Amino acid sequence: MAGRLIRELAERLGASLSGGDRLLAVAESCTGGGLCAAITEIPGSSRYFLGGVVAYHNAVKTRAIDVPEDRILSEGAVSEPVAISMAEGVKRRFGSDIGVGVTGVAGPGGGTPEKPVGTVCLGITAEGVRFSARRRFAGDREAVRNQAVAWALEELLRCMPAGRGMKE
């Protein structure tokens, strides 16, 4: 079921981006490449998807996509400010029009009372768009990761004006 939903969302995203001459780049942590995999599963995705980075370790977040180290230290790697910094950094590094950042605690360990297992933060940035949010998903590691990928795709679609690929 999750795979079918993710595929449908990725197809809708592809159709929207194909018509708008917008390029997408992704930085992901807790999803471990799942968002990139969902996007590239769609034939023709090379027309709108530049690529992505799995910035799992905090040092990679700072070195590869320019997330300020002090932001990670003050807010935590799983935070909206870090998610939006990941989106901004990958957008800048890849030269894309749209950047997405996903970070979270997929589990089964690693949670805290403030950020329990299942906590995921998402950031999206594009011309005229700066979105960040936090959600908590239930289930095991695979379920949390799948829900996070589906959520990222849903929010990308929600942020885009129909047929315009986020361009204002």
C-alpha atoms as a PDB file:
ATOM      1  CA  MET A   1       0.000   0.000   0.000  1.00  0.00           C
ATOM      2  CA  ALA A   2       2.726   2.504   0.969  1.00  0.00           C
ATOM      3  CA  GLY A   3       4.628   1.758  -2.218  1.00  0.00           C
ATOM      4  CA  ARG A   4       1.591   2.394  -4.392  1.00  0.00           C
ATOM      5  CA  LEU A   5       0.784   5.689  -2.643  1.00  0.00           C
ATOM      6  CA  ILE A   6       4.385   6.861  -2.930  1.00  0.00           C
ATOM      7  CA  ARG A   7       4.453   5.907  -6.626  1.00  0.00           C
ATOM      8  CA  GLU A   8       1.213   7.824  -7.296  1.00  0.00           C
ATOM      9  CA  LEU A   9       2.495  10.907  -5.479  1.00  0.00           C
ATOM     10  CA  ALA A  10       5.840  10.756  -7.322  1.00  0.00           C
ATOM     11  CA  GLU A  11       4.001  10.465 -10.649  1.00  0.00           C
ATOM     12  CA  ARG A  12       1.863  13.508  -9.812  1.00  0.00           C
ATOM     13  CA  LEU A  13       4.968  15.437  -8.777  1.00  0.00           C
ATOM     14  CA  GLY A  14       6.697  14.479 -12.005  1.00  0.00           C
ATOM     15  CA  ALA A  15       3.734  15.605 -14.090  1.00  0.00           C
ATOM     16  CA  SER A  16       3.659  18.927 -12.261  1.00  0.00           C
ATOM     17  CA  LEU A  17       7.391  19.554 -12.532  1.00  0.00           C
ATOM     18  CA  SER A  18       7.616  18.469 -16.165  1.00  0.00           C
ATOM     19  CA  GLY A  19       5.263  21.271 -17.140  1.00  0.00           C
ATOM     20  CA  GLY A  20       6.969  24.046 -15.240  1.00  0.00           C
ATOM     21  CA  ASP A  21      10.673  23.997 -16.166  1.00  0.00           C
ATOM     22  CA  ARG A  22      11.622  23.711 -12.506  1.00  0.00           C
ATOM     23  CA  LEU A  23      14.553  21.636 -11.259  1.00  0.00           C
ATOM     24  CA  LEU A  24      14.464  19.760  -7.956  1.00  0.00           C
ATOM     25  CA  ALA A  25      17.212  18.652  -5.556  1.00  0.00           C
ATOM     26  CA  VAL A  26      16.832  16.709  -2.306  1.00  0.00           C
ATOM     27  CA  ALA A  27      18.781  16.413   0.949  1.00  0.00           C
ATOM     28  CA  GLU A  28      17.604  13.607   3.178  1.00  0.00           C
ATOM     29  CA  SER A  29      18.693  12.035   6.402  1.00  0.00           C
ATOM     30  CA  CYS A  30      16.217   9.666   8.093  1.00  0.00           C
ATOM     31  CA  THR A  31      14.721   8.543   4.766  1.00  0.00           C
ATOM     32  CA  GLY A  32      18.145   7.301   3.636  1.00  0.00           C
ATOM     33  CA  GLY A  33      17.632   7.959  -0.065  1.00  0.00           C
ATOM     34  CA  GLY A  34      13.999   6.858  -0.150  1.00  0.00           C
ATOM     35  CA  LEU A  35      12.757  10.198  -1.450  1.00  0.00           C
ATOM     36  CA  CYS A  36      15.337  10.241  -4.241  1.00  0.00           C
ATOM     37  CA  ALA A  37      14.434   6.640  -5.084  1.00  0.00           C
ATOM     38  CA  ALA A  38      10.728   7.483  -5.287  1.00  0.00           C
ATOM     39  CA  ILE A  39      11.380  10.457  -7.567  1.00  0.00           C
ATOM     40  CA  THR A  40      13.749   8.583  -9.880  1.00  0.00           C
ATOM     41  CA  GLU A  41      11.388   5.615 -10.132  1.00  0.00           C
ATOM     42  CA  ILE A  42       9.340   7.754 -12.514  1.00  0.00           C
ATOM     43  CA  PRO A  43      10.447   7.564 -16.173  1.00  0.00           C
ATOM     44  CA  GLY A  44      11.635  10.941 -17.429  1.00  0.00           C
ATOM     45  CA  SER A  45      12.517  12.244 -13.960  1.00  0.00           C
ATOM     46  CA  SER A  46      15.886  13.407 -15.301  1.00  0.00           C
ATOM     47  CA  ARG A  47      13.994  16.321 -16.901  1.00  0.00           C
ATOM     48  CA  TYR A  48      13.292  17.835 -13.480  1.00  0.00           C
ATOM     49  CA  PHE A  49      15.388  16.014 -10.860  1.00  0.00           C
ATOM     50  CA  LEU A  50      19.040  17.044 -10.527  1.00  0.00           C
ATOM     51  CA  GLY A  51      19.930  14.700  -7.689  1.00  0.00           C
ATOM     52  CA  GLY A  52      20.214  14.366  -3.983  1.00  0.00           C
ATOM     53  CA  VAL A  53      22.410  13.848  -0.986  1.00  0.00           C
ATOM     54  CA  VAL A  54      21.935  11.463   1.912  1.00  0.00           C
ATOM     55  CA  ALA A  55      23.280  13.663   4.682  1.00  0.00           C
ATOM     56  CA  TYR A  56      22.939  11.146   7.481  1.00  0.00           C
ATOM     57  CA  HIS A  57      25.793  12.266   9.703  1.00  0.00           C
ATOM     58  CA  ASN A  58      25.828  15.830  11.017  1.00  0.00           C
ATOM     59  CA  ALA A  59      29.300  16.411   9.555  1.00  0.00           C
ATOM     60  CA  VAL A  60      27.889  15.673   6.096  1.00  0.00           C
ATOM     61  CA  LYS A  61      25.067  18.111   6.688  1.00  0.00           C
ATOM     62  CA  THR A  62      27.606  20.836   7.407  1.00  0.00           C
ATOM     63  CA  ARG A  63      30.223  19.947   4.766  1.00  0.00           C
ATOM     64  CA  ALA A  64      28.096  18.805   1.831  1.00  0.00           C
ATOM     65  CA  ILE A  65      25.076  21.088   2.071  1.00  0.00           C
ATOM     66  CA  ASP A  66      26.241  23.959   4.277  1.00  0.00           C
ATOM     67  CA  VAL A  67      23.950  23.471   7.273  1.00  0.00           C
ATOM     68  CA  PRO A  68      25.457  25.739   9.924  1.00  0.00           C
ATOM     69  CA  GLU A  69      27.052  23.645  12.675  1.00  0.00           C
ATOM     70  CA  ASP A  70      25.811  26.070  15.315  1.00  0.00           C
ATOM     71  CA  ARG A  71      22.241  25.496  14.085  1.00  0.00           C
ATOM     72  CA  ILE A  72      22.618  21.741  14.552  1.00  0.00           C
ATOM     73  CA  LEU A  73      24.105  22.289  18.019  1.00  0.00           C
ATOM     74  CA  SER A  74      21.433  24.765  19.131  1.00  0.00           C
ATOM     75  CA  GLU A  75      18.325  23.249  17.503  1.00  0.00           C
ATOM     76  CA  GLY A  76      19.301  19.615  17.058  1.00  0.00           C
ATOM     77  CA  ALA A  77      19.668  17.746  13.788  1.00  0.00           C
ATOM     78  CA  VAL A  78      15.976  16.864  13.925  1.00  0.00           C
ATOM     79  CA  SER A  79      14.418  20.310  13.774  1.00  0.00           C
ATOM     80  CA  GLU A  80      12.582  22.549  11.354  1.00  0.00           C
ATOM     81  CA  PRO A  81      15.472  25.041  11.173  1.00  0.00           C
ATOM     82  CA  VAL A  82      17.855  22.238  10.151  1.00  0.00           C
ATOM     83  CA  ALA A  83      15.347  20.834   7.633  1.00  0.00           C
ATOM     84  CA  ILE A  84      14.966  24.222   5.945  1.00  0.00           C
ATOM     85  CA  SER A  85      18.762  24.720   6.038  1.00  0.00           C
ATOM     86  CA  MET A  86      19.149  21.338   4.334  1.00  0.00           C
ATOM     87  CA  ALA A  87      16.656  22.416   1.651  1.00  0.00           C
ATOM     88  CA  GLU A  88      18.396  25.748   1.129  1.00  0.00           C
ATOM     89  CA  GLY A  89      21.842  24.154   1.080  1.00  0.00           C
ATOM     90  CA  VAL A  90      21.008  21.446  -1.464  1.00  0.00           C
ATOM     91  CA  LYS A  91      19.178  23.988  -3.637  1.00  0.00           C
ATOM     92  CA  ARG A  92      22.227  26.245  -3.636  1.00  0.00           C
ATOM     93  CA  ARG A  93      24.786  23.439  -4.089  1.00  0.00           C
ATOM     94  CA  PHE A  94      22.911  21.757  -6.955  1.00  0.00           C
ATOM     95  CA  GLY A  95      21.705  24.994  -8.577  1.00  0.00           C
ATOM     96  CA  SER A  96      18.088  23.833  -8.491  1.00  0.00           C
ATOM     97  CA  ASP A  97      14.900  25.863  -8.347  1.00  0.00           C
ATOM     98  CA  ILE A  98      13.420  23.728  -5.564  1.00  0.00           C
ATOM     99  CA  GLY A  99      15.186  22.253  -2.542  1.00  0.00           C
ATOM    100  CA  VAL A 100      13.830  19.710  -0.077  1.00  0.00           C
ATOM    101  CA  GLY A 101      15.294  18.698   3.282  1.00  0.00           C
ATOM    102  CA  VAL A 102      14.084  15.755   5.401  1.00  0.00           C
ATOM    103  CA  THR A 103      15.483  14.867   8.817  1.00  0.00           C
ATOM    104  CA  GLY A 104      14.093  12.760  11.616  1.00  0.00           C
ATOM    105  CA  VAL A 105      14.252   9.852  14.025  1.00  0.00           C
ATOM    106  CA  ALA A 106      13.210   6.677  12.194  1.00  0.00           C
ATOM    107  CA  GLY A 107      13.960   4.382  15.127  1.00  0.00           C
ATOM    108  CA  PRO A 108      13.872   2.011  16.736  1.00  0.00           C
ATOM    109  CA  GLY A 109      16.328   3.925  18.950  1.00  0.00           C
ATOM    110  CA  GLY A 110      17.560   7.492  19.049  1.00  0.00           C
ATOM    111  CA  GLY A 111      14.403   9.175  20.280  1.00  0.00           C
ATOM    112  CA  THR A 112      14.192  11.568  23.203  1.00  0.00           C
ATOM    113  CA  PRO A 113      11.213  12.873  25.182  1.00  0.00           C
ATOM    114  CA  GLU A 114      11.319  16.077  23.088  1.00  0.00           C
ATOM    115  CA  LYS A 115      11.887  14.228  19.803  1.00  0.00           C
ATOM    116  CA  PRO A 116      10.528  10.699  20.100  1.00  0.00           C
ATOM    117  CA  VAL A 117      10.960   7.990  17.491  1.00  0.00           C
ATOM    118  CA  GLY A 118       8.813   8.881  14.502  1.00  0.00           C
ATOM    119  CA  THR A 119       9.546  12.623  14.639  1.00  0.00           C
ATOM    120  CA  VAL A 120      10.289  13.984  11.162  1.00  0.00           C
ATOM    121  CA  CYS A 121      11.017  17.556  10.060  1.00  0.00           C
ATOM    122  CA  LEU A 122      10.603  18.731   6.480  1.00  0.00           C
ATOM    123  CA  GLY A 123      11.832  21.841   4.715  1.00  0.00           C
ATOM    124  CA  ILE A 124      10.971  23.028   1.212  1.00  0.00           C
ATOM    125  CA  THR A 125      12.348  26.112  -0.464  1.00  0.00           C
ATOM    126  CA  ALA A 126      11.754  27.579  -3.893  1.00  0.00           C
ATOM    127  CA  GLU A 127      11.060  30.934  -5.452  1.00  0.00           C
ATOM    128  CA  GLY A 128       8.270  32.380  -3.328  1.00  0.00           C
ATOM    129  CA  VAL A 129       8.077  29.281  -1.101  1.00  0.00           C
ATOM    130  CA  ARG A 130       9.674  28.653   2.292  1.00  0.00           C
ATOM    131  CA  PHE A 131       7.935  25.828   4.122  1.00  0.00           C
ATOM    132  CA  SER A 132       8.924  23.847   7.188  1.00  0.00           C
ATOM    133  CA  ALA A 133       6.953  21.546   9.441  1.00  0.00           C
ATOM    134  CA  ARG A 134       7.304  18.762  11.981  1.00  0.00           C
ATOM    135  CA  ARG A 135       5.232  15.597  12.258  1.00  0.00           C
ATOM    136  CA  ARG A 136       5.322  12.390  14.211  1.00  0.00           C
ATOM    137  CA  PHE A 137       4.653   9.084  12.508  1.00  0.00           C
ATOM    138  CA  ALA A 138       3.780   5.757  14.108  1.00  0.00           C
ATOM    139  CA  GLY A 139       5.150   2.350  13.304  1.00  0.00           C
ATOM    140  CA  ASP A 140       8.476   0.649  12.831  1.00  0.00           C
ATOM    141  CA  ARG A 141      11.502   2.088  11.034  1.00  0.00           C
ATOM    142  CA  GLU A 142      10.247   1.177   7.557  1.00  0.00           C
ATOM    143  CA  ALA A 143       6.794   2.636   8.249  1.00  0.00           C
ATOM    144  CA  VAL A 144       8.241   5.913   9.559  1.00  0.00           C
ATOM    145  CA  ARG A 145      10.527   6.251   6.541  1.00  0.00           C
ATOM    146  CA  ASN A 146       7.743   5.471   4.063  1.00  0.00           C
ATOM    147  CA  GLN A 147       5.379   7.929   5.737  1.00  0.00           C
ATOM    148  CA  ALA A 148       8.089  10.601   5.673  1.00  0.00           C
ATOM    149  CA  VAL A 149       8.671  10.084   1.930  1.00  0.00           C
ATOM    150  CA  ALA A 150       4.931  10.242   1.223  1.00  0.00           C
ATOM    151  CA  TRP A 151       4.604  13.379   3.352  1.00  0.00           C
ATOM    152  CA  ALA A 152       7.476  15.106   1.539  1.00  0.00           C
ATOM    153  CA  LEU A 153       5.883  14.334  -1.836  1.00  0.00           C
ATOM    154  CA  GLU A 154       2.462  15.508  -0.618  1.00  0.00           C
ATOM    155  CA  GLU A 155       3.873  18.787   0.685  1.00  0.00           C
ATOM    156  CA  LEU A 156       5.819  19.389  -2.512  1.00  0.00           C
ATOM    157  CA  LEU A 157       2.586  18.969  -4.451  1.00  0.00           C
ATOM    158  CA  ARG A 158       0.685  21.185  -2.021  1.00  0.00           C
ATOM    159  CA  CYS A 159       3.275  23.945  -2.297  1.00  0.00           C
ATOM    160  CA  MET A 160       3.132  24.017  -6.082  1.00  0.00           C
ATOM    161  CA  PRO A 161       0.561  25.949  -8.039  1.00  0.00           C
ATOM    162  CA  ALA A 162      -1.029  23.513 -10.506  1.00  0.00           C
ATOM    163  CA  GLY A 163       0.994  23.156 -13.666  1.00  0.00           C
ATOM    164  CA  ARG A 164       3.481  25.823 -12.655  1.00  0.00           C
ATOM    165  CA  GLY A 165       6.081  23.834 -10.747  1.00  0.00           C
ATOM    166  CA  MET A 166       6.323  26.427  -7.933  1.00  0.00           C
ATOM    167  CA  LYS A 167       7.317  29.240 -10.256  1.00  0.00           C
ATOM    168  CA  GLU A 168       5.587  32.472  -9.328  1.00  0.00           C
END
